[in-house]
Amino acid sequence: MPDNLNKDYSFYEKNRKALLNDYEGRYIVIYKERVVGAYDTQLDAIEAARKKFPLGKFLVQLVTEEDEVIVFNLVRSPYAQSLPVSQQKHHQAVGG
């Protein structure tokens, strides 16, 4: 994992109790060790973050008491460009 994402995940771990109080069950976007958004769905979090930050520079994390790390390898695929937008996101998220 890139160093910036390690730092963002460390921020999440260090602040998990406080984050649980504010965001439990939601997907948060962490950028440069700050929470910059909270969303009900993972897709909403990714779409919002992609509008503001370069890919690979932000972390989307489900706020939960359990240790759950969701890693995405978002890549651009010529094939994905021909899919409907909802399928493009899925195709890119699974590394297509």
N, C-alpha and C. Protein backbone atom coordinates (compact mmCIF):
# COMPACT_ATOMS: atom_id res chain seq x y z
N MET A 1 0.85 -1.16 0.00
CA MET A 1 0.00 0.00 0.00
C MET A 1 0.91 1.23 0.00
N PRO A 2 0.58 2.25 -0.81
CA PRO A 2 1.39 3.47 -0.83
C PRO A 2 1.46 4.13 0.56
N ASP A 3 2.53 4.86 0.80
CA ASP A 3 2.77 5.46 2.11
C ASP A 3 1.62 6.37 2.54
N ASN A 4 1.07 7.17 1.61
CA ASN A 4 -0.02 8.07 1.99
C ASN A 4 -1.24 7.29 2.47
N LEU A 5 -1.51 6.14 1.87
CA LEU A 5 -2.66 5.35 2.31
C LEU A 5 -2.37 4.67 3.64
N ASN A 6 -1.13 4.27 3.87
CA ASN A 6 -0.76 3.73 5.18
C ASN A 6 -0.98 4.77 6.26
N LYS A 7 -0.61 6.01 5.99
CA LYS A 7 -0.81 7.09 6.96
C LYS A 7 -2.30 7.32 7.20
N ASP A 8 -3.08 7.31 6.14
CA ASP A 8 -4.52 7.52 6.28
C ASP A 8 -5.16 6.37 7.06
N TYR A 9 -4.72 5.14 6.81
CA TYR A 9 -5.29 4.02 7.56
C TYR A 9 -4.85 4.08 9.03
N SER A 10 -3.62 4.49 9.28
CA SER A 10 -3.15 4.66 10.66
C SER A 10 -4.00 5.72 11.38
N PHE A 11 -4.32 6.79 10.66
CA PHE A 11 -5.21 7.81 11.22
C PHE A 11 -6.55 7.19 11.60
N TYR A 12 -7.10 6.37 10.72
CA TYR A 12 -8.36 5.70 11.00
C TYR A 12 -8.25 4.84 12.26
N GLU A 13 -7.22 4.02 12.33
CA GLU A 13 -7.04 3.14 13.48
C GLU A 13 -6.90 3.92 14.79
N LYS A 14 -6.10 4.98 14.76
CA LYS A 14 -5.87 5.78 15.96
C LYS A 14 -7.14 6.48 16.43
N ASN A 15 -8.01 6.81 15.50
CA ASN A 15 -9.20 7.59 15.81
C ASN A 15 -10.49 6.79 15.71
N ARG A 16 -10.36 5.48 15.65
CA ARG A 16 -11.54 4.64 15.39
C ARG A 16 -12.67 4.88 16.39
N LYS A 17 -12.37 4.97 17.67
CA LYS A 17 -13.43 5.15 18.67
C LYS A 17 -14.22 6.43 18.42
N ALA A 18 -13.53 7.51 18.18
CA ALA A 18 -14.21 8.78 17.90
C ALA A 18 -14.98 8.70 16.58
N LEU A 19 -14.38 8.06 15.58
CA LEU A 19 -15.04 7.93 14.29
C LEU A 19 -16.30 7.07 14.40
N LEU A 20 -16.26 6.04 15.25
CA LEU A 20 -17.44 5.21 15.46
C LEU A 20 -18.61 6.04 15.98
N ASN A 21 -18.32 6.97 16.88
CA ASN A 21 -19.38 7.81 17.44
C ASN A 21 -20.05 8.65 16.36
N ASP A 22 -19.27 9.11 15.40
CA ASP A 22 -19.81 10.02 14.38
C ASP A 22 -20.25 9.33 13.09
N TYR A 23 -19.60 8.21 12.74
CA TYR A 23 -19.79 7.66 11.39
C TYR A 23 -20.06 6.15 11.35
N GLU A 24 -20.39 5.51 12.44
CA GLU A 24 -20.54 4.05 12.43
C GLU A 24 -21.48 3.58 11.32
N GLY A 25 -21.00 2.60 10.56
CA GLY A 25 -21.80 2.03 9.48
C GLY A 25 -21.75 2.82 8.17
N ARG A 26 -21.00 3.90 8.15
CA ARG A 26 -20.88 4.72 6.94
C ARG A 26 -19.49 4.56 6.34
N TYR A 27 -19.37 4.93 5.09
CA TYR A 27 -18.08 4.92 4.40
C TYR A 27 -17.51 6.32 4.46
N ILE A 28 -16.32 6.44 5.02
CA ILE A 28 -15.68 7.74 5.09
C ILE A 28 -14.55 7.81 4.08
N VAL A 29 -14.31 9.02 3.60
CA VAL A 29 -13.17 9.28 2.73
C VAL A 29 -12.13 9.99 3.59
N ILE A 30 -10.92 9.42 3.62
CA ILE A 30 -9.82 10.02 4.36
C ILE A 30 -8.77 10.46 3.35
N TYR A 31 -8.37 11.71 3.48
CA TYR A 31 -7.36 12.29 2.61
C TYR A 31 -6.40 13.11 3.46
N LYS A 32 -5.13 12.77 3.38
CA LYS A 32 -4.10 13.45 4.16
C LYS A 32 -4.46 13.49 5.64
N GLU A 33 -4.89 12.32 6.14
CA GLU A 33 -5.17 12.13 7.56
C GLU A 33 -6.29 13.03 8.08
N ARG A 34 -7.28 13.28 7.21
CA ARG A 34 -8.47 14.03 7.58
C ARG A 34 -9.68 13.35 6.96
N VAL A 35 -10.79 13.34 7.69
CA VAL A 35 -12.05 12.86 7.13
C VAL A 35 -12.62 14.00 6.29
N VAL A 36 -12.80 13.72 5.00
CA VAL A 36 -13.27 14.77 4.08
C VAL A 36 -14.67 14.48 3.53
N GLY A 37 -15.28 13.38 4.00
CA GLY A 37 -16.63 13.06 3.56
C GLY A 37 -17.11 11.77 4.19
N ALA A 38 -18.42 11.64 4.32
CA ALA A 38 -19.04 10.43 4.86
C ALA A 38 -20.26 10.10 4.00
N TYR A 39 -20.40 8.82 3.64
CA TYR A 39 -21.42 8.41 2.67
C TYR A 39 -22.07 7.11 3.11
N ASP A 40 -23.28 6.90 2.64
CA ASP A 40 -24.01 5.69 2.99
C ASP A 40 -23.56 4.48 2.19
N THR A 41 -23.03 4.71 0.99
CA THR A 41 -22.59 3.58 0.17
C THR A 41 -21.13 3.78 -0.24
N GLN A 42 -20.50 2.68 -0.49
CA GLN A 42 -19.11 2.69 -0.93
C GLN A 42 -18.98 3.40 -2.28
N LEU A 43 -19.90 3.11 -3.18
CA LEU A 43 -19.86 3.73 -4.50
C LEU A 43 -20.00 5.25 -4.42
N ASP A 44 -20.90 5.73 -3.57
CA ASP A 44 -21.05 7.18 -3.39
C ASP A 44 -19.75 7.80 -2.88
N ALA A 45 -19.10 7.12 -1.95
CA ALA A 45 -17.84 7.64 -1.39
C ALA A 45 -16.76 7.70 -2.47
N ILE A 46 -16.64 6.65 -3.25
CA ILE A 46 -15.62 6.60 -4.31
C ILE A 46 -15.90 7.67 -5.36
N GLU A 47 -17.15 7.78 -5.80
CA GLU A 47 -17.49 8.76 -6.84
C GLU A 47 -17.20 10.18 -6.37
N ALA A 48 -17.57 10.50 -5.12
CA ALA A 48 -17.33 11.85 -4.60
C ALA A 48 -15.84 12.13 -4.47
N ALA A 49 -15.09 11.16 -3.97
CA ALA A 49 -13.65 11.36 -3.77
C ALA A 49 -12.93 11.50 -5.10
N ARG A 50 -13.34 10.73 -6.10
CA ARG A 50 -12.68 10.80 -7.42
C ARG A 50 -12.85 12.17 -8.07
N LYS A 51 -13.90 12.89 -7.71
CA LYS A 51 -14.12 14.24 -8.25
C LYS A 51 -13.17 15.26 -7.64
N LYS A 52 -12.65 14.96 -6.44
CA LYS A 52 -11.83 15.92 -5.71
C LYS A 52 -10.35 15.57 -5.67
N PHE A 53 -10.04 14.26 -5.69
CA PHE A 53 -8.67 13.83 -5.45
C PHE A 53 -8.23 12.82 -6.51
N PRO A 54 -6.93 12.76 -6.79
CA PRO A 54 -6.43 11.76 -7.74
C PRO A 54 -6.59 10.34 -7.19
N LEU A 55 -6.81 9.40 -8.09
CA LEU A 55 -6.89 8.00 -7.68
C LEU A 55 -5.60 7.60 -6.98
N GLY A 56 -5.73 6.78 -5.95
CA GLY A 56 -4.57 6.32 -5.20
C GLY A 56 -4.12 7.29 -4.12
N LYS A 57 -4.82 8.41 -3.99
CA LYS A 57 -4.42 9.42 -3.00
C LYS A 57 -5.41 9.55 -1.85
N PHE A 58 -6.50 8.78 -1.87
CA PHE A 58 -7.49 8.83 -0.81
C PHE A 58 -7.87 7.41 -0.38
N LEU A 59 -8.38 7.32 0.83
CA LEU A 59 -8.79 6.04 1.39
C LEU A 59 -10.29 6.08 1.63
N VAL A 60 -11.01 5.05 1.20
CA VAL A 60 -12.42 4.88 1.53
C VAL A 60 -12.49 3.74 2.52
N GLN A 61 -13.07 4.04 3.69
CA GLN A 61 -13.07 3.06 4.77
C GLN A 61 -14.45 2.96 5.40
N LEU A 62 -14.95 1.73 5.54
CA LEU A 62 -16.19 1.49 6.27
C LEU A 62 -15.88 1.60 7.75
N VAL A 63 -16.62 2.43 8.46
CA VAL A 63 -16.38 2.63 9.89
C VAL A 63 -17.14 1.56 10.65
N THR A 64 -16.38 0.67 11.27
CA THR A 64 -16.95 -0.45 12.00
C THR A 64 -16.03 -0.83 13.15
N GLU A 65 -16.58 -1.50 14.13
CA GLU A 65 -15.76 -1.95 15.26
C GLU A 65 -14.80 -3.05 14.83
N GLU A 66 -15.18 -3.80 13.82
CA GLU A 66 -14.38 -4.91 13.35
C GLU A 66 -13.25 -4.42 12.45
N ASP A 67 -12.17 -5.18 12.42
CA ASP A 67 -11.08 -4.86 11.50
C ASP A 67 -11.49 -5.32 10.11
N GLU A 68 -11.81 -4.36 9.27
CA GLU A 68 -12.24 -4.68 7.92
C GLU A 68 -11.53 -3.73 6.97
N VAL A 69 -10.66 -4.27 6.16
CA VAL A 69 -9.94 -3.46 5.19
C VAL A 69 -10.44 -3.85 3.81
N ILE A 70 -10.89 -2.87 3.07
CA ILE A 70 -11.35 -3.10 1.70
C ILE A 70 -10.37 -2.39 0.78
N VAL A 71 -9.69 -3.15 -0.05
CA VAL A 71 -8.69 -2.57 -0.94
C VAL A 71 -9.20 -2.64 -2.36
N PHE A 72 -9.10 -1.52 -3.05
CA PHE A 72 -9.49 -1.47 -4.45
C PHE A 72 -8.29 -1.11 -5.29
N ASN A 73 -8.22 -1.73 -6.43
CA ASN A 73 -7.20 -1.38 -7.41
C ASN A 73 -7.95 -0.75 -8.57
N LEU A 74 -8.13 0.56 -8.50
CA LEU A 74 -8.86 1.25 -9.54
C LEU A 74 -7.94 1.50 -10.72
N VAL A 75 -8.29 0.92 -11.83
CA VAL A 75 -7.49 1.08 -13.03
C VAL A 75 -8.39 1.53 -14.16
N ARG A 76 -7.80 2.11 -15.14
CA ARG A 76 -8.55 2.51 -16.33
C ARG A 76 -8.42 1.39 -17.36
N SER A 77 -9.52 1.02 -17.89
CA SER A 77 -9.54 -0.06 -18.87
C SER A 77 -10.26 0.43 -20.12
N PRO A 78 -9.69 0.21 -21.30
CA PRO A 78 -10.39 0.60 -22.52
C PRO A 78 -11.75 -0.10 -22.63
N TYR A 79 -11.80 -1.36 -22.15
CA TYR A 79 -13.06 -2.10 -22.18
C TYR A 79 -14.10 -1.42 -21.31
N ALA A 80 -13.71 -0.94 -20.13
CA ALA A 80 -14.65 -0.35 -19.19
C ALA A 80 -15.31 0.90 -19.77
N GLN A 81 -14.62 1.62 -20.63
CA GLN A 81 -15.17 2.85 -21.18
C GLN A 81 -16.42 2.59 -22.03
N SER A 82 -16.59 1.38 -22.54
CA SER A 82 -17.75 1.08 -23.37
C SER A 82 -18.93 0.58 -22.54
N LEU A 83 -18.74 0.41 -21.25
CA LEU A 83 -19.81 -0.06 -20.38
C LEU A 83 -20.64 1.10 -19.85
N PRO A 84 -21.89 0.83 -19.42
CA PRO A 84 -22.65 1.87 -18.72
C PRO A 84 -21.87 2.31 -17.48
N VAL A 85 -22.11 3.53 -17.02
CA VAL A 85 -21.33 4.09 -15.93
C VAL A 85 -21.32 3.18 -14.70
N SER A 86 -22.47 2.63 -14.31
CA SER A 86 -22.50 1.78 -13.11
C SER A 86 -21.62 0.55 -13.29
N GLN A 87 -21.57 -0.02 -14.47
CA GLN A 87 -20.73 -1.19 -14.71
C GLN A 87 -19.27 -0.79 -14.86
N GLN A 88 -18.99 0.41 -15.35
CA GLN A 88 -17.62 0.89 -15.43
C GLN A 88 -17.00 0.92 -14.04
N LYS A 89 -17.76 1.46 -13.08
CA LYS A 89 -17.25 1.57 -11.70
C LYS A 89 -16.93 0.19 -11.16
N HIS A 90 -17.86 -0.75 -11.35
CA HIS A 90 -17.62 -2.11 -10.86
C HIS A 90 -16.44 -2.75 -11.57
N HIS A 91 -16.39 -2.60 -12.86
CA HIS A 91 -15.30 -3.20 -13.64
C HIS A 91 -13.96 -2.65 -13.20
N GLN A 92 -13.89 -1.35 -12.99
CA GLN A 92 -12.64 -0.73 -12.55
C GLN A 92 -12.29 -1.16 -11.13
N ALA A 93 -13.29 -1.25 -10.26
CA ALA A 93 -13.04 -1.59 -8.87
C ALA A 93 -12.49 -3.01 -8.73
N VAL A 94 -12.87 -3.90 -9.62
CA VAL A 94 -12.36 -5.26 -9.52
C VAL A 94 -11.10 -5.47 -10.31
N GLY A 95 -10.56 -4.39 -10.83
CA GLY A 95 -9.24 -4.46 -11.47
C GLY A 95 -9.28 -4.80 -12.93
N GLY A 96 -10.40 -4.57 -13.59
CA GLY A 96 -10.54 -4.90 -15.01
C GLY A 96 -9.81 -3.97 -15.83
